[in-house]
Amino acid sequence: MLVVMDNHASADQIERVVQVIEEMGYQARPMPGLQRTTVGLVGNDGRVDGSRIEALPGVAEVIHVSKPYKQVSREWKQENTLVRIAPGVVFGGEQIQIIAGPCSVESEDQIVTAARQVRAAGATALRGGAFKPRSSPYSFQGLGKRGLELLAVARQETGLAIVTEALDEDGVHRVAEVADCIQIGARNMQNYSLLRAAGRAGKPVLLKRGMAATITDLLMSAEYILAEGNDQVILCERGIRSFDTMTRNLFDLTAIPLVQKLSHLPMVADPSHGTGLRDKVTPMARAAVAAGADGIIVEVHPNPERALSDGAQSLYPEQFKSLVEELRAIASAIGRSVATLASARSAGTAPVTVG
């Protein structure tokens, strides 16, 4: 339920609404807007009788949110949420952000070289897995703590924001020490204890759609993060399982405008996992931007043929450079622009020690 206050409602009137909601046994979330304040009621599984609240001074109307995902929905918040993961790197606005880098952190030379290459080509954030969930227990699982330390080195060298995955609750805290944005991968989209931990970590979260998840499943998972008080969530389409074996996944472009209609959270696309094929990444990235994606996340490796994971879907640096130029043209055609990393961030930040 959403309580809309009058334009001239006083602070005392807003506080009284909060008190009444809490007296009813629910949580109240005041949300100041440009013209008026709304107060969200959370913690209810069904319809709440709003007559007691409607009668309070300063209340304009009470809106019952029909969607099962409350705080994630456009009913709850009409304007787009802007998710800032670093200075100048904001998702959900006019600018399209590009996250790029290798699937896994393999060595200092590899991740720093990749970071320099994608930054020079136009990326604003670096992806790279320190912890890797793999289908086979015998596949490369990432460097763990050392991988996080090397991501910190890459940020120091290039100024790129860091996006990397956490696999469990303990990993969330380690990743949060280094990352500018915590990624929750497709295999963990419905790991609810992990989602809650990510929501409490105090960092933006990039939540990938599960391999067999519906749009509602994705939005309900995002609700877990927002329920912990963190609305800095970026949703990601990365392909879903299908019966066709010609590509790794079915890249669902329809999900982009659909989610943006249903939710105020920004939506990005991952054409690398969406297709699993290097020669399909560029056309699908172009299509994702044309469909309205707020950003793309692409795998780029200095030497894809030597990659320890996902080499077949990783772009060569020169391919990524060409892709960025094409995305700039597409963005311009639809009234948007591709973000560039401000020179002020090129100095990077202080080194991070991972505990």
Protein backbone atom coordinates (compact mmCIF):
# COMPACT_ATOMS: atom_id res chain seq x y z
CA MET A 1 0.00 0.00 0.00
CA LEU A 2 1.17 3.51 -0.82
CA VAL A 3 0.07 6.60 1.09
CA VAL A 4 0.21 9.77 -1.00
CA MET A 5 0.49 12.94 1.07
CA ASP A 6 -0.86 16.39 0.14
CA ASN A 7 1.54 18.79 -1.54
CA HIS A 8 1.65 20.89 1.61
CA ALA A 9 1.67 18.08 4.19
CA SER A 10 3.78 18.98 7.19
CA ALA A 11 6.60 16.93 8.64
CA ASP A 12 4.43 16.22 11.70
CA GLN A 13 1.62 14.90 9.50
CA ILE A 14 4.01 12.62 7.64
CA GLU A 15 5.43 11.37 10.93
CA ARG A 16 1.90 10.66 12.20
CA VAL A 17 1.23 8.47 9.14
CA VAL A 18 4.46 6.59 9.85
CA GLN A 19 3.43 6.08 13.49
CA VAL A 20 0.00 4.72 12.56
CA ILE A 21 1.46 2.29 10.02
CA GLU A 22 3.88 1.00 12.65
CA GLU A 23 1.07 0.74 15.22
CA MET A 24 -0.76 -1.48 12.70
CA GLY A 25 2.24 -3.83 12.76
CA TYR A 26 3.84 -2.89 9.43
CA GLN A 27 6.95 -1.03 8.31
CA ALA A 28 6.73 2.52 6.91
CA ARG A 29 9.04 3.85 4.19
CA PRO A 30 8.74 7.65 3.65
CA MET A 31 9.79 8.63 0.12
CA PRO A 32 10.12 12.38 -0.46
CA GLY A 33 9.42 13.42 -4.06
CA LEU A 34 9.81 16.59 -6.06
CA GLN A 35 6.25 17.73 -5.35
CA ARG A 36 4.96 15.53 -2.56
CA THR A 37 5.93 12.76 -0.17
CA THR A 38 4.63 9.22 -0.32
CA VAL A 39 4.82 6.69 2.48
CA GLY A 40 5.05 3.03 1.57
CA LEU A 41 3.60 0.33 3.79
CA VAL A 42 5.60 -2.90 3.64
CA GLY A 43 5.43 -6.19 5.46
CA ASN A 44 1.92 -7.16 4.37
CA ASP A 45 1.08 -10.29 2.36
CA GLY A 46 -2.46 -9.22 1.49
CA ARG A 47 -4.74 -6.20 1.18
CA VAL A 48 -4.60 -3.80 4.13
CA ASP A 49 -7.59 -1.79 5.32
CA GLY A 50 -6.47 1.77 4.66
CA SER A 51 -9.49 3.57 6.15
CA ARG A 52 -7.62 4.44 9.34
CA ILE A 53 -4.82 6.03 7.34
CA GLU A 54 -7.07 7.80 4.84
CA ALA A 55 -8.65 9.78 7.67
CA LEU A 56 -5.35 11.23 8.89
CA PRO A 57 -4.56 14.93 8.27
CA GLY A 58 -2.37 15.58 5.24
CA VAL A 59 -3.25 12.33 3.41
CA ALA A 60 -4.35 12.85 -0.20
CA GLU A 61 -5.07 9.23 -1.12
CA VAL A 62 -4.22 5.62 -0.40
CA ILE A 63 -3.20 3.42 -3.33
CA HIS A 64 -3.29 -0.35 -3.06
CA VAL A 65 -0.36 -1.89 -4.96
CA SER A 66 -1.70 -4.84 -6.93
CA LYS A 67 1.60 -6.44 -7.94
CA PRO A 68 3.11 -9.14 -5.67
CA TYR A 69 6.41 -7.27 -5.92
CA LYS A 70 5.67 -4.02 -4.11
CA GLN A 71 8.70 -1.75 -3.85
CA VAL A 72 10.04 -2.89 -7.22
CA SER A 73 6.90 -1.92 -9.15
CA ARG A 74 6.01 1.22 -11.08
CA GLU A 75 2.89 1.42 -8.92
CA TRP A 76 5.16 2.06 -5.96
CA LYS A 77 7.43 4.54 -7.75
CA GLN A 78 6.73 6.11 -11.14
CA GLU A 79 10.06 7.77 -11.88
CA ASN A 80 13.14 5.74 -12.80
CA THR A 81 15.51 4.83 -9.99
CA LEU A 82 19.05 5.99 -10.69
CA VAL A 83 21.67 3.53 -9.46
CA ARG A 84 25.10 5.09 -8.93
CA ILE A 85 27.91 2.57 -8.54
CA ALA A 86 30.76 5.11 -8.77
CA PRO A 87 31.22 8.81 -9.60
CA GLY A 88 29.80 9.36 -13.07
CA VAL A 89 28.65 5.73 -13.45
CA VAL A 90 24.88 5.91 -13.11
CA PHE A 91 22.37 3.39 -14.45
CA GLY A 92 18.79 4.33 -15.31
CA GLY A 93 19.32 7.79 -16.72
CA GLU A 94 19.85 9.11 -20.24
CA GLN A 95 23.33 7.62 -20.52
CA ILE A 96 24.03 3.98 -21.33
CA GLN A 97 26.77 2.39 -19.25
CA ILE A 98 29.10 -0.33 -20.52
CA ILE A 99 30.54 -2.98 -18.20
CA ALA A 100 33.25 -5.07 -19.82
CA GLY A 101 36.07 -7.44 -18.96
CA PRO A 102 36.96 -11.12 -18.76
CA CYS A 103 34.77 -13.84 -17.33
CA SER A 104 37.37 -14.64 -14.68
CA VAL A 105 40.31 -12.92 -13.03
CA GLU A 106 43.27 -15.14 -13.99
CA SER A 107 46.38 -13.11 -13.16
CA GLU A 108 47.46 -9.54 -12.46
CA ASP A 109 48.76 -9.05 -15.99
CA GLN A 110 45.55 -10.42 -17.52
CA ILE A 111 43.08 -8.34 -15.50
CA VAL A 112 45.09 -5.10 -15.63
CA THR A 113 45.63 -5.48 -19.38
CA ALA A 114 41.94 -6.18 -19.90
CA ALA A 115 40.99 -3.20 -17.73
CA ARG A 116 43.22 -0.86 -19.70
CA GLN A 117 41.89 -2.16 -23.01
CA VAL A 118 38.20 -1.86 -22.17
CA ARG A 119 38.70 1.55 -20.57
CA ALA A 120 40.47 2.84 -23.67
CA ALA A 121 37.61 1.53 -25.82
CA GLY A 122 34.89 3.21 -23.73
CA ALA A 123 33.84 0.99 -20.81
CA THR A 124 32.90 2.67 -17.55
CA ALA A 125 33.07 -0.43 -15.35
CA LEU A 126 35.13 -3.61 -15.22
CA ARG A 127 33.64 -7.07 -14.83
CA GLY A 128 35.68 -10.07 -13.75
CA GLY A 129 34.92 -13.04 -11.53
CA ALA A 130 37.04 -13.69 -8.45
CA PHE A 131 34.58 -16.43 -7.41
CA LYS A 132 33.13 -18.48 -10.27
CA PRO A 133 30.13 -20.82 -10.06
CA ARG A 134 30.80 -23.48 -12.71
CA SER A 135 28.66 -26.33 -13.95
CA SER A 136 31.55 -28.75 -13.40
CA PRO A 137 33.36 -28.97 -10.03
CA TYR A 138 36.56 -29.62 -11.98
CA SER A 139 36.43 -26.35 -13.95
CA PHE A 140 38.37 -23.24 -12.93
CA GLN A 141 36.57 -21.76 -9.93
CA GLY A 142 38.34 -18.40 -9.76
CA LEU A 143 41.19 -17.05 -7.64
CA GLY A 144 38.98 -16.12 -4.70
CA LYS A 145 40.46 -13.57 -2.29
CA ARG A 146 43.48 -13.05 -4.57
CA GLY A 147 41.12 -12.28 -7.42
CA LEU A 148 39.50 -9.51 -5.40
CA GLU A 149 42.91 -8.05 -4.63
CA LEU A 150 43.77 -8.01 -8.33
CA LEU A 151 40.47 -6.29 -9.17
CA ALA A 152 41.44 -3.58 -6.68
CA VAL A 153 44.77 -3.24 -8.49
CA ALA A 154 42.96 -2.91 -11.84
CA ARG A 155 40.74 -0.17 -10.45
CA GLN A 156 43.78 1.64 -9.06
CA GLU A 157 45.39 1.48 -12.50
CA THR A 158 42.38 2.55 -14.58
CA GLY A 159 39.73 4.18 -12.40
CA LEU A 160 37.10 1.72 -13.63
CA ALA A 161 34.28 0.78 -11.27
CA ILE A 162 34.33 -2.90 -10.27
CA VAL A 163 31.42 -5.33 -10.74
CA THR A 164 32.04 -8.86 -9.46
CA GLU A 165 29.98 -11.77 -8.22
CA ALA A 166 29.31 -13.03 -4.69
CA LEU A 167 28.36 -16.69 -4.31
CA ASP A 168 27.34 -16.92 -0.66
CA GLU A 169 26.63 -14.80 2.41
CA ASP A 170 30.24 -14.83 3.57
CA GLY A 171 31.35 -13.91 0.06
CA VAL A 172 29.04 -10.89 0.03
CA HIS A 173 31.06 -9.24 2.78
CA ARG A 174 34.36 -9.97 1.07
CA VAL A 175 33.13 -8.72 -2.29
CA ALA A 176 31.63 -5.60 -0.69
CA GLU A 177 35.10 -4.63 0.60
CA VAL A 178 36.34 -4.24 -2.98
CA ALA A 179 33.47 -4.07 -5.47
CA ASP A 180 31.53 -0.97 -6.41
CA CYS A 181 28.63 -3.25 -7.34
CA ILE A 182 27.88 -6.77 -6.10
CA GLN A 183 26.71 -9.16 -8.79
CA ILE A 184 24.23 -11.94 -8.01
CA GLY A 185 24.50 -14.50 -10.79
CA ALA A 186 21.78 -16.41 -12.59
CA ARG A 187 22.32 -19.57 -10.55
CA ASN A 188 21.74 -17.63 -7.32
CA MET A 189 18.82 -15.43 -8.38
CA GLN A 190 16.50 -17.26 -5.98
CA ASN A 191 19.03 -17.79 -3.20
CA TYR A 192 16.98 -15.71 -0.80
CA SER A 193 19.41 -15.66 2.12
CA LEU A 194 22.09 -14.40 -0.30
CA LEU A 195 19.72 -11.75 -1.64
CA ARG A 196 18.98 -10.52 1.87
CA ALA A 197 22.69 -10.40 2.70
CA ALA A 198 23.37 -8.42 -0.49
CA GLY A 199 20.57 -6.03 0.43
CA ARG A 200 22.24 -5.34 3.78
CA ALA A 201 25.77 -4.97 2.39
CA GLY A 202 25.48 -1.26 1.65
CA LYS A 203 26.49 -1.57 -2.01
CA PRO A 204 24.56 -1.49 -5.31
CA VAL A 205 23.53 -4.92 -6.58
CA LEU A 206 23.39 -6.24 -10.14
CA LEU A 207 20.84 -9.07 -10.19
CA LYS A 208 20.89 -11.44 -13.15
CA ARG A 209 17.79 -13.26 -14.34
CA GLY A 210 17.85 -16.98 -13.61
CA MET A 211 18.24 -19.51 -16.37
CA ALA A 212 14.59 -20.62 -16.11
CA ALA A 213 13.12 -17.58 -14.37
CA THR A 214 10.03 -15.68 -15.42
CA ILE A 215 9.91 -11.90 -15.33
CA THR A 216 7.85 -12.11 -12.15
CA ASP A 217 10.46 -14.41 -10.60
CA LEU A 218 13.16 -11.84 -11.35
CA LEU A 219 11.17 -8.96 -9.89
CA MET A 220 10.22 -10.94 -6.78
CA SER A 221 13.92 -11.71 -6.21
CA ALA A 222 14.70 -8.00 -6.52
CA GLU A 223 12.00 -7.36 -3.91
CA TYR A 224 14.07 -9.33 -1.38
CA ILE A 225 16.91 -6.84 -1.81
CA LEU A 226 14.67 -3.79 -1.59
CA ALA A 227 12.95 -5.24 1.47
CA GLU A 228 16.30 -4.89 3.26
CA GLY A 229 16.26 -1.13 2.56
CA ASN A 230 18.48 -1.13 -0.54
CA ASP A 231 16.86 0.25 -3.69
CA GLN A 232 20.17 0.45 -5.59
CA VAL A 233 19.45 -2.58 -7.74
CA ILE A 234 20.22 -3.14 -11.43
CA LEU A 235 18.35 -5.94 -13.20
CA CYS A 236 20.02 -7.95 -15.96
CA GLU A 237 18.71 -10.06 -18.85
CA ARG A 238 21.28 -12.76 -19.62
CA GLY A 239 19.33 -15.34 -21.56
CA ILE A 240 17.13 -18.22 -20.48
CA ARG A 241 17.20 -21.94 -21.22
CA SER A 242 15.38 -23.16 -24.33
CA PHE A 243 15.08 -26.38 -26.32
CA ASP A 244 17.30 -25.06 -29.12
CA THR A 245 20.97 -26.02 -28.89
CA MET A 246 22.26 -23.59 -31.54
CA THR A 247 23.08 -20.97 -28.88
CA ARG A 248 23.98 -21.19 -25.20
CA ASN A 249 20.73 -19.50 -24.15
CA LEU A 250 17.70 -17.75 -25.60
CA PHE A 251 18.47 -14.03 -25.31
CA ASP A 252 15.12 -12.49 -24.37
CA LEU A 253 15.17 -8.95 -25.75
CA THR A 254 11.46 -8.54 -24.97
CA ALA A 255 12.36 -8.64 -21.28
CA ILE A 256 14.03 -5.23 -21.53
CA PRO A 257 11.00 -3.04 -22.39
CA LEU A 258 8.71 -5.35 -20.42
CA VAL A 259 10.66 -4.98 -17.18
CA GLN A 260 11.03 -1.23 -17.73
CA LYS A 261 7.24 -0.94 -17.96
CA LEU A 262 6.68 -2.95 -14.80
CA SER A 263 9.55 -1.66 -12.65
CA HIS A 264 11.38 1.58 -11.93
CA LEU A 265 14.72 -0.25 -11.61
CA PRO A 266 17.29 0.02 -14.43
CA MET A 267 17.66 -2.91 -16.80
CA VAL A 268 20.88 -4.01 -18.50
CA ALA A 269 21.64 -6.83 -20.91
CA ASP A 270 24.35 -9.49 -21.09
CA PRO A 271 24.66 -10.65 -24.72
CA SER A 272 27.75 -12.72 -23.90
CA HIS A 273 25.90 -15.22 -21.71
CA GLY A 274 22.73 -14.59 -23.69
CA THR A 275 24.23 -16.21 -26.79
CA GLY A 276 27.47 -17.93 -25.80
CA LEU A 277 28.88 -17.23 -29.26
CA ARG A 278 31.42 -14.51 -29.98
CA ASP A 279 30.03 -13.61 -33.40
CA LYS A 280 26.53 -13.19 -31.95
CA VAL A 281 27.53 -10.88 -29.08
CA THR A 282 27.92 -7.73 -31.18
CA PRO A 283 24.56 -7.92 -33.01
CA MET A 284 22.71 -8.78 -29.81
CA ALA A 285 24.41 -5.95 -27.91
CA ARG A 286 23.32 -3.56 -30.65
CA ALA A 287 19.78 -4.92 -30.45
CA ALA A 288 19.71 -4.59 -26.65
CA VAL A 289 20.62 -0.90 -26.78
CA ALA A 290 18.05 -0.33 -29.51
CA ALA A 291 15.46 -2.06 -27.30
CA GLY A 292 16.17 0.42 -24.49
CA ALA A 293 18.69 -1.29 -22.22
CA ASP A 294 20.27 1.03 -19.65
CA GLY A 295 23.60 -0.70 -20.10
CA ILE A 296 25.32 -3.79 -21.37
CA ILE A 297 27.74 -6.19 -19.71
CA VAL A 298 30.12 -7.85 -22.15
CA GLU A 299 32.95 -10.34 -21.79
CA VAL A 300 36.25 -9.14 -23.28
CA HIS A 301 39.57 -10.97 -22.90
CA PRO A 302 43.07 -9.96 -24.09
CA ASN A 303 43.52 -13.49 -25.50
CA PRO A 304 40.15 -15.29 -25.65
CA GLU A 305 41.69 -18.51 -26.99
CA ARG A 306 43.67 -18.75 -23.72
CA ALA A 307 40.82 -17.83 -21.38
CA LEU A 308 40.27 -20.18 -18.45
CA SER A 309 36.49 -19.71 -18.76
CA ASP A 310 34.03 -18.58 -21.44
CA GLY A 311 36.65 -17.91 -24.09
CA ALA A 312 34.24 -18.84 -26.90
CA GLN A 313 31.92 -15.93 -26.04
CA SER A 314 34.60 -13.36 -25.15
CA LEU A 315 35.28 -10.53 -27.59
CA TYR A 316 38.77 -9.62 -28.74
CA PRO A 317 39.72 -6.08 -27.64
CA GLU A 318 39.49 -4.75 -31.22
CA GLN A 319 36.00 -6.25 -31.58
CA PHE A 320 34.91 -4.54 -28.38
CA LYS A 321 36.29 -1.21 -29.60
CA SER A 322 34.22 -1.48 -32.77
CA LEU A 323 31.15 -2.48 -30.79
CA VAL A 324 31.34 0.62 -28.58
CA GLU A 325 31.47 2.88 -31.63
CA GLU A 326 28.41 1.15 -33.08
CA LEU A 327 26.55 1.49 -29.78
CA ARG A 328 27.26 5.23 -29.74
CA ALA A 329 25.55 5.59 -33.12
CA ILE A 330 22.54 3.53 -32.03
CA ALA A 331 22.20 5.42 -28.75
CA SER A 332 22.29 8.74 -30.59
CA ALA A 333 19.54 7.56 -32.93
CA ILE A 334 17.19 6.89 -30.01
CA GLY A 335 17.97 10.08 -28.11
CA ARG A 336 20.47 8.65 -25.64
CA SER A 337 24.25 8.54 -25.33
CA VAL A 338 26.92 6.08 -24.26
CA ALA A 339 28.64 7.21 -21.08
CA THR A 340 32.37 7.93 -20.96
CA LEU A 341 34.62 7.68 -17.96
CA ALA A 342 35.55 11.13 -16.70
CA SER A 343 39.26 11.86 -16.67
CA ALA A 344 38.95 12.68 -12.98
CA ARG A 345 38.47 8.96 -12.24
CA SER A 346 41.53 7.85 -14.17
CA ALA A 347 43.67 8.37 -11.08
CA GLY A 348 41.78 5.55 -9.40
CA THR A 349 41.40 5.05 -5.69
CA ALA A 350 43.51 3.89 -2.81
CA PRO A 351 44.52 0.20 -2.75
CA VAL A 352 42.16 -2.12 -0.89
CA THR A 353 43.21 -4.86 1.50
CA VAL A 354 40.82 -7.79 1.43
CA GLY A 355 40.15 -9.33 4.80
